[in-house]
Amino acid sequence: MTVKISVLKERDEGGERRVALIPQVAEKLTPLGITFAMETGAGVASSYPDSAYKDVTFSPDRNALVADADIVLAVQPPTLETVKAMKPGAILIAFIYGRNNPDLVKALRDGKITCFAMELVPRISRAQAMDALSSQATLAGYYAVLMGAVHMPKILPMMTTAVGSLRAAQVLVMGLGVAGLQSLATAKRLGAITEGYDVRPETKEEAQSLGAKFVDTGVDATGQGGYARELTDDEKQKVRKALSDHIARSDLIVTTAAVPGKRAPRLIDAEQIKAMKPGAVIIDLGAEGGGNCEGTQAGQTVQVGPTTIVGPVNVPSMLAEQASELYSKNIMHLLQQIITKDKGLAPDFTDEVISGTALTHDGYITNDGIRTAVDPNSPAPPAPAPAPTATPAPTTPAANDAGKETAK
């Protein structure tokens, strides 16, 4: 069965340069019986011109592209107009951030669009190849250190010159998820003295494996789903006291704490920033969520006392070519779970990865948390029917004996 997939060009006003499908991935998926159509120029900003795609048709008419598509791929949430142009029963795969886009979620539900939101991919081992948040965070963590190096009035490594030695910079990374660990690794490769902090003590060994010292505050705030839980007021004070000295002596700080769809936790306050050394730099990767630092302004570089605070937004888009490559491969692995050559489009909603990634399906908001936030009166979806099982073959004495032998 043929499955038609249409790929959107991202809107210029958001500064998005990534594309949801790269040529190499399109070629790998074609044997599954997939035909591809793309919006003209969709990959140009990420260094993938239309001419690089084989056996892909292009059209400048977005609504026409999605009107007969079985699956629509995008990076950022599409417009309401685009969703309303999709046919009932079609599938949308993109970052959605439902709590921030309630009207879009309702439009997906009302249009009976099945939406797989890439930020909802379960953070379990079996889904790692589909985990777009992690793949994009890897690049953001790497690039954060490079941005810091550009803004610092000193170099990162120790250097010996004819007139004496220059000391290595002190780098502190706060939040040791995927982005934070990549920041530590990058800073270490560039010769800095590195420290890492996280409220989850289990990250200590990961930081030390990258050659960094772990800042232990004595607080364990391990949460669910790979994220930290919110600290109590007493815990916040304890953490603040333990961290203040490390913040004050750092030349570069990278903060990475973020929870999709929620406000970024505050890690550094104004008083701590005031105590930093002149010329110190903070790269706040939580800027889009309100900032990890007091004084951060999303999309801007500001001077707060002695410190330069950089609040970059959509950092993966700054590395659009490889960010697109990783994101496209994440989607490829998801598509391979819901498309087969024999059956065509057949997502199994009893599978925890498929059900966990689904935001809407068949006229329902399937994610409990987002349904409660967006429309508490919206009914919960019925439980998916269990996948059919094969009828067991009739047992024979020989078969029973074989089974016993295997059990031994």
Protein backbone atom coordinates (compact mmCIF):
# COMPACT_ATOMS: atom_id res chain seq x y z
CA MET A 1 0.00 0.00 0.00
CA THR A 2 1.29 3.45 -0.93
CA VAL A 3 1.58 6.05 1.81
CA LYS A 4 1.87 9.70 0.80
CA ILE A 5 4.01 11.92 3.03
CA SER A 6 4.13 15.70 2.64
CA VAL A 7 6.86 17.85 4.20
CA LEU A 8 6.31 21.49 5.16
CA LYS A 9 8.68 24.41 4.76
CA GLU A 10 9.17 26.10 8.11
CA ARG A 11 7.91 29.66 8.55
CA ASP A 12 10.58 32.35 8.22
CA GLU A 13 9.24 34.54 11.02
CA GLY A 14 10.21 31.97 13.64
CA GLY A 15 13.83 31.89 12.49
CA GLU A 16 13.52 28.16 11.95
CA ARG A 17 16.04 26.80 9.44
CA ARG A 18 15.61 23.04 9.95
CA VAL A 19 13.67 20.68 7.71
CA ALA A 20 11.89 17.48 8.73
CA LEU A 21 13.19 15.32 5.88
CA ILE A 22 16.67 15.11 4.38
CA PRO A 23 17.46 13.40 1.05
CA GLN A 24 19.23 10.38 2.55
CA VAL A 25 16.29 9.54 4.80
CA ALA A 26 13.80 9.92 1.96
CA GLU A 27 15.77 7.34 -0.05
CA LYS A 28 15.82 4.90 2.89
CA LEU A 29 12.05 5.15 3.43
CA THR A 30 10.95 4.85 -0.19
CA PRO A 31 11.14 0.99 -0.17
CA LEU A 32 8.33 0.98 2.43
CA GLY A 33 5.97 2.10 -0.31
CA ILE A 34 6.16 5.81 0.57
CA THR A 35 5.86 8.66 -1.90
CA PHE A 36 7.13 12.09 -0.87
CA ALA A 37 5.98 15.60 -1.67
CA MET A 38 7.63 18.70 -0.25
CA GLU A 39 6.93 22.38 -0.15
CA THR A 40 9.24 24.18 -2.56
CA GLY A 41 12.48 25.26 -0.89
CA ALA A 42 11.74 23.37 2.34
CA GLY A 43 15.35 22.27 2.82
CA VAL A 44 17.22 25.24 1.35
CA ALA A 45 17.89 26.99 4.69
CA SER A 46 19.46 23.83 6.08
CA SER A 47 21.71 23.28 3.01
CA TYR A 48 19.42 20.75 1.30
CA PRO A 49 18.33 22.27 -2.05
CA ASP A 50 15.37 20.81 -3.91
CA SER A 51 17.76 19.31 -6.45
CA ALA A 52 19.30 17.07 -3.75
CA TYR A 53 16.06 15.09 -3.36
CA LYS A 54 15.40 12.15 -5.68
CA ASP A 55 11.88 10.99 -6.58
CA VAL A 56 10.33 13.79 -4.51
CA THR A 57 7.75 16.17 -5.99
CA PHE A 58 7.73 19.83 -5.01
CA SER A 59 4.89 22.34 -4.82
CA PRO A 60 4.59 25.92 -3.53
CA ASP A 61 0.96 25.29 -2.48
CA ARG A 62 1.04 24.20 1.16
CA ASN A 63 -2.68 23.55 1.51
CA ALA A 64 -2.75 21.41 -1.62
CA LEU A 65 0.22 19.42 -0.32
CA VAL A 66 -1.43 18.52 2.97
CA ALA A 67 -4.97 18.05 1.63
CA ASP A 68 -4.34 14.54 0.29
CA ALA A 69 -1.36 13.56 2.47
CA ASP A 70 -1.55 10.52 4.72
CA ILE A 71 1.27 11.93 6.87
CA VAL A 72 2.49 15.52 7.24
CA LEU A 73 5.98 16.19 8.61
CA ALA A 74 7.19 19.45 10.15
CA VAL A 75 9.64 20.74 12.74
CA GLN A 76 7.68 23.52 14.46
CA PRO A 77 3.92 23.46 15.13
CA PRO A 78 2.06 24.19 11.87
CA THR A 79 -0.57 26.91 11.59
CA LEU A 80 -4.24 26.36 12.30
CA GLU A 81 -4.91 26.93 8.61
CA THR A 82 -2.57 24.09 7.68
CA VAL A 83 -4.15 21.70 10.16
CA LYS A 84 -7.65 22.54 8.95
CA ALA A 85 -6.55 21.74 5.39
CA MET A 86 -5.55 18.19 6.37
CA LYS A 87 -7.95 15.33 5.75
CA PRO A 88 -9.58 13.49 8.69
CA GLY A 89 -7.54 10.48 9.73
CA ALA A 90 -4.25 11.93 8.49
CA ILE A 91 -1.17 11.95 10.71
CA LEU A 92 0.90 14.96 11.76
CA ILE A 93 4.42 14.50 13.12
CA ALA A 94 6.13 17.59 14.57
CA PHE A 95 7.06 19.36 17.77
CA ILE A 96 3.74 20.66 19.13
CA TYR A 97 4.15 21.69 22.82
CA GLY A 98 0.43 21.34 23.43
CA ARG A 99 0.24 23.34 26.66
CA ASN A 100 1.58 26.36 24.79
CA ASN A 101 -0.69 25.83 21.76
CA PRO A 102 -4.14 24.91 23.09
CA ASP A 103 -6.02 26.10 20.00
CA LEU A 104 -3.83 23.93 17.79
CA VAL A 105 -4.47 20.87 19.96
CA LYS A 106 -8.22 21.45 19.77
CA ALA A 107 -8.02 21.84 15.99
CA LEU A 108 -6.15 18.55 15.73
CA ARG A 109 -8.78 16.86 17.90
CA ASP A 110 -11.74 18.37 16.07
CA GLY A 111 -10.24 17.55 12.67
CA LYS A 112 -9.69 13.92 13.74
CA ILE A 113 -6.00 14.27 13.00
CA THR A 114 -3.66 11.78 14.64
CA CYS A 115 -0.75 13.80 15.98
CA PHE A 116 2.53 12.35 17.15
CA ALA A 117 4.27 15.14 19.10
CA MET A 118 8.02 14.62 19.01
CA GLU A 119 8.52 16.20 22.42
CA LEU A 120 6.36 13.40 23.92
CA VAL A 121 8.53 10.47 22.79
CA PRO A 122 8.96 8.34 25.95
CA ARG A 123 12.44 8.54 27.39
CA ILE A 124 13.01 4.80 27.48
CA SER A 125 15.79 2.72 25.94
CA ARG A 126 13.63 1.33 23.14
CA ALA A 127 12.69 4.84 21.98
CA GLN A 128 16.15 6.42 22.04
CA ALA A 129 16.42 6.44 18.25
CA MET A 130 13.19 8.50 18.10
CA ASP A 131 14.07 10.90 20.93
CA ALA A 132 14.22 14.21 19.09
CA LEU A 133 14.55 16.27 22.26
CA SER A 134 17.80 14.50 23.06
CA SER A 135 19.21 14.64 19.54
CA GLN A 136 18.60 18.37 19.31
CA ALA A 137 19.83 19.01 22.86
CA THR A 138 23.13 17.36 21.98
CA LEU A 139 23.83 20.03 19.37
CA ALA A 140 22.58 22.83 21.62
CA GLY A 141 24.94 21.77 24.41
CA TYR A 142 27.89 21.71 22.03
CA TYR A 143 27.11 25.09 20.52
CA ALA A 144 26.49 26.76 23.89
CA VAL A 145 30.17 26.48 24.80
CA LEU A 146 31.22 27.92 21.45
CA MET A 147 28.89 30.89 21.99
CA GLY A 148 30.40 31.35 25.43
CA ALA A 149 33.92 31.27 24.03
CA VAL A 150 33.02 34.01 21.52
CA HIS A 151 31.61 36.29 24.23
CA MET A 152 34.36 35.76 26.80
CA PRO A 153 37.24 38.26 27.04
CA LYS A 154 39.65 35.35 27.56
CA ILE A 155 40.44 31.94 26.08
CA LEU A 156 39.31 28.56 27.39
CA PRO A 157 42.56 26.53 27.47
CA MET A 158 45.76 27.13 29.36
CA MET A 159 48.35 28.60 27.02
CA THR A 160 52.07 29.14 27.46
CA THR A 161 53.55 32.17 25.72
CA ALA A 162 56.97 33.85 25.62
CA VAL A 163 55.86 36.26 28.33
CA GLY A 164 54.18 33.76 30.63
CA SER A 165 51.30 31.34 30.92
CA LEU A 166 47.59 32.06 30.60
CA ARG A 167 45.37 30.18 33.02
CA ALA A 168 42.61 27.91 31.76
CA ALA A 169 39.06 29.21 32.12
CA GLN A 170 36.74 27.83 34.78
CA VAL A 171 33.50 26.49 33.25
CA LEU A 172 30.44 25.49 35.27
CA VAL A 173 27.58 23.60 33.62
CA MET A 174 24.29 23.57 35.51
CA GLY A 175 21.86 20.84 34.53
CA LEU A 176 23.44 17.58 33.39
CA GLY A 177 20.94 16.24 30.92
CA VAL A 178 21.93 15.60 27.32
CA ALA A 179 22.73 19.26 26.61
CA GLY A 180 24.66 19.74 29.84
CA LEU A 181 26.83 16.67 29.39
CA GLN A 182 27.63 17.70 25.83
CA SER A 183 28.58 21.16 27.12
CA LEU A 184 30.92 19.60 29.67
CA ALA A 185 32.51 17.40 27.01
CA THR A 186 32.99 20.32 24.63
CA ALA A 187 34.46 22.64 27.27
CA LYS A 188 36.86 19.91 28.34
CA ARG A 189 37.96 19.27 24.75
CA LEU A 190 38.66 23.00 24.42
CA GLY A 191 40.92 22.90 27.46
CA ALA A 192 38.78 24.44 30.21
CA ILE A 193 38.63 23.38 33.85
CA THR A 194 35.11 21.99 34.16
CA GLU A 195 32.54 21.54 36.91
CA GLY A 196 29.04 20.12 36.60
CA TYR A 197 25.97 20.43 38.79
CA ASP A 198 22.59 18.71 38.79
CA VAL A 199 19.95 18.09 41.44
CA ARG A 200 20.00 14.41 40.42
CA PRO A 201 22.96 12.77 42.20
CA GLU A 202 23.04 9.90 39.69
CA THR A 203 24.58 12.31 37.16
CA LYS A 204 27.76 12.52 39.25
CA GLU A 205 29.45 9.57 37.55
CA GLU A 206 28.53 10.88 34.10
CA ALA A 207 30.13 14.25 34.87
CA GLN A 208 33.25 12.64 36.28
CA SER A 209 33.54 10.37 33.24
CA LEU A 210 33.89 13.56 31.17
CA GLY A 211 36.72 14.83 33.34
CA ALA A 212 34.59 17.29 35.31
CA LYS A 213 34.28 17.82 39.03
CA PHE A 214 30.74 17.27 40.32
CA VAL A 215 29.29 19.93 42.61
CA ASP A 216 27.40 17.99 45.28
CA THR A 217 24.84 20.09 47.17
CA GLY A 218 23.38 17.24 49.21
CA VAL A 219 19.94 17.60 47.61
CA ASP A 220 18.34 14.78 45.62
CA ALA A 221 15.50 15.96 43.37
CA THR A 222 15.27 13.03 41.00
CA GLY A 223 11.89 13.12 39.24
CA GLN A 224 10.08 11.08 36.63
CA GLY A 225 10.51 10.83 32.87
CA GLY A 226 14.16 11.85 32.92
CA TYR A 227 13.48 15.25 34.50
CA ALA A 228 14.09 16.66 37.96
CA ARG A 229 11.22 17.43 40.31
CA GLU A 230 10.62 20.93 41.67
CA LEU A 231 12.66 21.81 44.75
CA THR A 232 11.12 22.80 48.06
CA ASP A 233 11.95 26.25 49.47
CA ASP A 234 14.34 24.72 52.01
CA GLU A 235 16.07 22.70 49.30
CA LYS A 236 16.43 25.79 47.12
CA GLN A 237 18.21 27.64 49.92
CA LYS A 238 20.51 24.71 50.59
CA VAL A 239 21.41 24.42 46.91
CA ARG A 240 21.91 28.17 46.60
CA LYS A 241 24.33 28.27 49.50
CA ALA A 242 26.37 25.39 48.09
CA LEU A 243 26.51 26.80 44.56
CA SER A 244 27.19 30.47 45.18
CA ASP A 245 30.95 30.09 45.55
CA HIS A 246 31.22 28.00 42.38
CA ILE A 247 29.16 30.57 40.45
CA ALA A 248 31.31 33.44 41.70
CA ARG A 249 34.59 31.96 40.47
CA SER A 250 33.36 30.76 37.08
CA ASP A 251 34.44 32.42 33.84
CA LEU A 252 31.70 30.73 31.85
CA ILE A 253 28.43 29.18 33.01
CA VAL A 254 26.09 27.17 30.79
CA THR A 255 22.61 26.58 32.22
CA THR A 256 20.47 23.92 30.56
CA ALA A 257 17.51 23.25 32.87
CA ALA A 258 14.27 23.03 30.91
CA VAL A 259 11.02 21.07 30.99
CA PRO A 260 9.07 21.00 27.68
CA GLY A 261 5.92 23.11 27.87
CA LYS A 262 6.71 24.52 31.33
CA ARG A 263 8.63 27.46 32.74
CA ALA A 264 12.35 26.93 33.08
CA PRO A 265 13.51 26.59 36.71
CA ARG A 266 15.49 29.49 38.18
CA LEU A 267 19.08 28.44 38.94
CA ILE A 268 20.94 31.73 39.39
CA ASP A 269 19.56 34.88 41.03
CA ALA A 270 20.55 38.54 40.75
CA GLU A 271 22.65 38.52 43.90
CA GLN A 272 24.72 35.58 42.65
CA ILE A 273 25.21 37.27 39.27
CA LYS A 274 26.36 40.46 41.00
CA ALA A 275 29.06 38.46 42.81
CA MET A 276 30.54 37.04 39.59
CA LYS A 277 33.92 38.21 38.28
CA PRO A 278 34.10 40.98 35.63
CA GLY A 279 33.93 39.54 32.13
CA ALA A 280 32.10 36.40 33.20
CA VAL A 281 29.57 34.98 30.72
CA ILE A 282 26.38 32.97 31.17
CA ILE A 283 24.81 31.07 28.25
CA ASP A 284 21.22 30.42 29.33
CA LEU A 285 19.78 27.57 27.26
CA GLY A 286 16.57 27.88 29.26
CA ALA A 287 15.89 31.32 27.79
CA GLU A 288 12.91 30.22 25.70
CA GLY A 289 11.19 28.93 28.83
CA GLY A 290 11.70 32.15 30.81
CA GLY A 291 15.38 31.67 31.64
CA ASN A 292 17.41 29.86 34.27
CA CYS A 293 18.95 33.18 35.34
CA GLU A 294 17.42 36.32 36.73
CA GLY A 295 17.83 38.97 34.04
CA THR A 296 17.87 36.64 31.03
CA GLN A 297 16.09 38.04 27.98
CA ALA A 298 15.16 35.51 25.31
CA GLY A 299 16.93 36.16 22.03
CA GLN A 300 19.13 38.91 23.44
CA THR A 301 22.57 39.46 24.94
CA VAL A 302 22.46 41.70 28.00
CA GLN A 303 24.93 43.04 30.52
CA VAL A 304 23.86 42.47 34.14
CA GLY A 305 26.40 43.92 36.54
CA PRO A 306 29.78 42.33 35.75
CA THR A 307 28.22 39.51 33.74
CA THR A 308 27.19 39.06 30.11
CA ILE A 309 24.04 36.93 29.86
CA VAL A 310 23.26 35.39 26.48
CA GLY A 311 19.71 34.09 26.03
CA PRO A 312 19.77 32.17 22.72
CA VAL A 313 16.58 30.72 21.28
CA ASN A 314 16.24 27.70 19.01
CA VAL A 315 19.92 26.85 19.20
CA PRO A 316 19.63 23.62 17.15
CA SER A 317 18.42 25.72 14.20
CA MET A 318 21.79 27.51 14.24
CA LEU A 319 23.29 24.15 13.23
CA ALA A 320 20.48 23.48 10.79
CA GLU A 321 22.20 20.98 8.50
CA GLN A 322 23.07 18.41 11.14
CA ALA A 323 20.11 19.24 13.35
CA SER A 324 17.88 18.40 10.39
CA GLU A 325 19.82 15.19 9.82
CA LEU A 326 19.28 14.03 13.39
CA TYR A 327 15.64 15.11 13.52
CA SER A 328 14.89 13.44 10.19
CA LYS A 329 16.42 10.20 11.43
CA ASN A 330 14.35 10.41 14.63
CA ILE A 331 11.23 10.66 12.46
CA MET A 332 12.46 7.82 10.23
CA HIS A 333 12.61 5.46 13.20
CA LEU A 334 9.10 6.50 14.26
CA LEU A 335 7.76 5.99 10.73
CA GLN A 336 9.29 2.51 10.64
CA GLN A 337 7.14 1.70 13.68
CA ILE A 338 3.86 2.81 12.09
CA ILE A 339 4.36 1.86 8.40
CA THR A 340 4.97 -1.59 6.99
CA LYS A 341 5.44 -2.56 3.36
CA ASP A 342 2.60 -5.10 3.51
CA LYS A 343 0.01 -3.27 5.63
CA GLY A 344 0.89 0.34 4.88
CA LEU A 345 -0.06 2.75 7.63
CA ALA A 346 -0.83 0.72 10.76
CA PRO A 347 0.19 2.34 14.09
CA ASP A 348 -0.23 0.02 17.10
CA PHE A 349 -1.68 2.11 19.91
CA THR A 350 -1.11 -0.69 22.41
CA ASP A 351 2.63 -0.05 22.01
CA GLU A 352 3.88 2.25 24.77
CA VAL A 353 6.08 4.25 22.41
CA ILE A 354 3.26 4.90 19.95
CA SER A 355 0.67 5.65 22.62
CA GLY A 356 3.12 7.76 24.61
CA THR A 357 4.03 9.91 21.61
CA ALA A 358 0.41 10.37 20.49
CA LEU A 359 -1.16 13.72 21.38
CA THR A 360 -4.47 13.36 19.51
CA HIS A 361 -6.22 10.49 17.75
CA ASP A 362 -9.67 9.85 16.31
CA GLY A 363 -11.27 12.95 17.79
CA TYR A 364 -9.67 12.68 21.25
CA ILE A 365 -6.79 14.33 23.10
CA THR A 366 -4.93 11.19 24.11
CA ASN A 367 -2.30 12.70 26.40
CA ASP A 368 -3.83 13.00 29.88
CA GLY A 369 -1.72 15.92 31.08
CA ILE A 370 -2.26 18.04 27.98
CA ARG A 371 -5.96 17.19 27.84
CA THR A 372 -6.37 18.44 31.42
CA ALA A 373 -4.43 21.63 30.65
CA VAL A 374 -6.08 22.40 27.31
CA ASP A 375 -9.68 21.26 27.79
CA PRO A 376 -10.55 19.58 31.10
CA ASN A 377 -14.05 18.80 29.82
CA SER A 378 -12.79 16.91 26.80
CA PRO A 379 -13.58 13.18 27.18
CA ALA A 380 -10.77 10.69 27.62
CA PRO A 381 -10.22 8.31 24.70
CA PRO A 382 -11.39 4.70 24.95
CA ALA A 383 -8.73 2.13 25.71
CA PRO A 384 -7.11 0.79 22.53
CA ALA A 385 -8.11 -2.70 21.50
CA PRO A 386 -5.38 -5.25 22.21
CA ALA A 387 -3.33 -6.34 19.25
CA PRO A 388 -4.57 -9.62 17.75
CA THR A 389 -2.69 -12.73 18.84
CA ALA A 390 -2.09 -15.81 16.83
CA THR A 391 -4.25 -18.85 17.65
CA PRO A 392 -2.05 -21.38 19.44
CA ALA A 393 -1.40 -24.60 17.58
CA PRO A 394 -2.98 -27.73 19.08
CA THR A 395 -0.67 -29.40 21.51
CA THR A 396 0.64 -32.89 20.98
CA PRO A 397 2.54 -35.17 23.32
CA ALA A 398 5.65 -34.60 21.23
CA ALA A 399 5.24 -30.84 21.51
CA ASN A 400 4.79 -31.09 25.28
CA ASP A 401 7.93 -33.17 25.59
CA ALA A 402 9.87 -30.66 23.51
CA GLY A 403 8.69 -27.87 25.75
CA LYS A 404 9.81 -29.70 28.87
CA GLU A 405 13.21 -30.31 27.38
CA THR A 406 13.57 -26.63 26.55
CA ALA A 407 12.55 -25.65 30.08
CA LYS A 408 15.33 -27.81 31.51
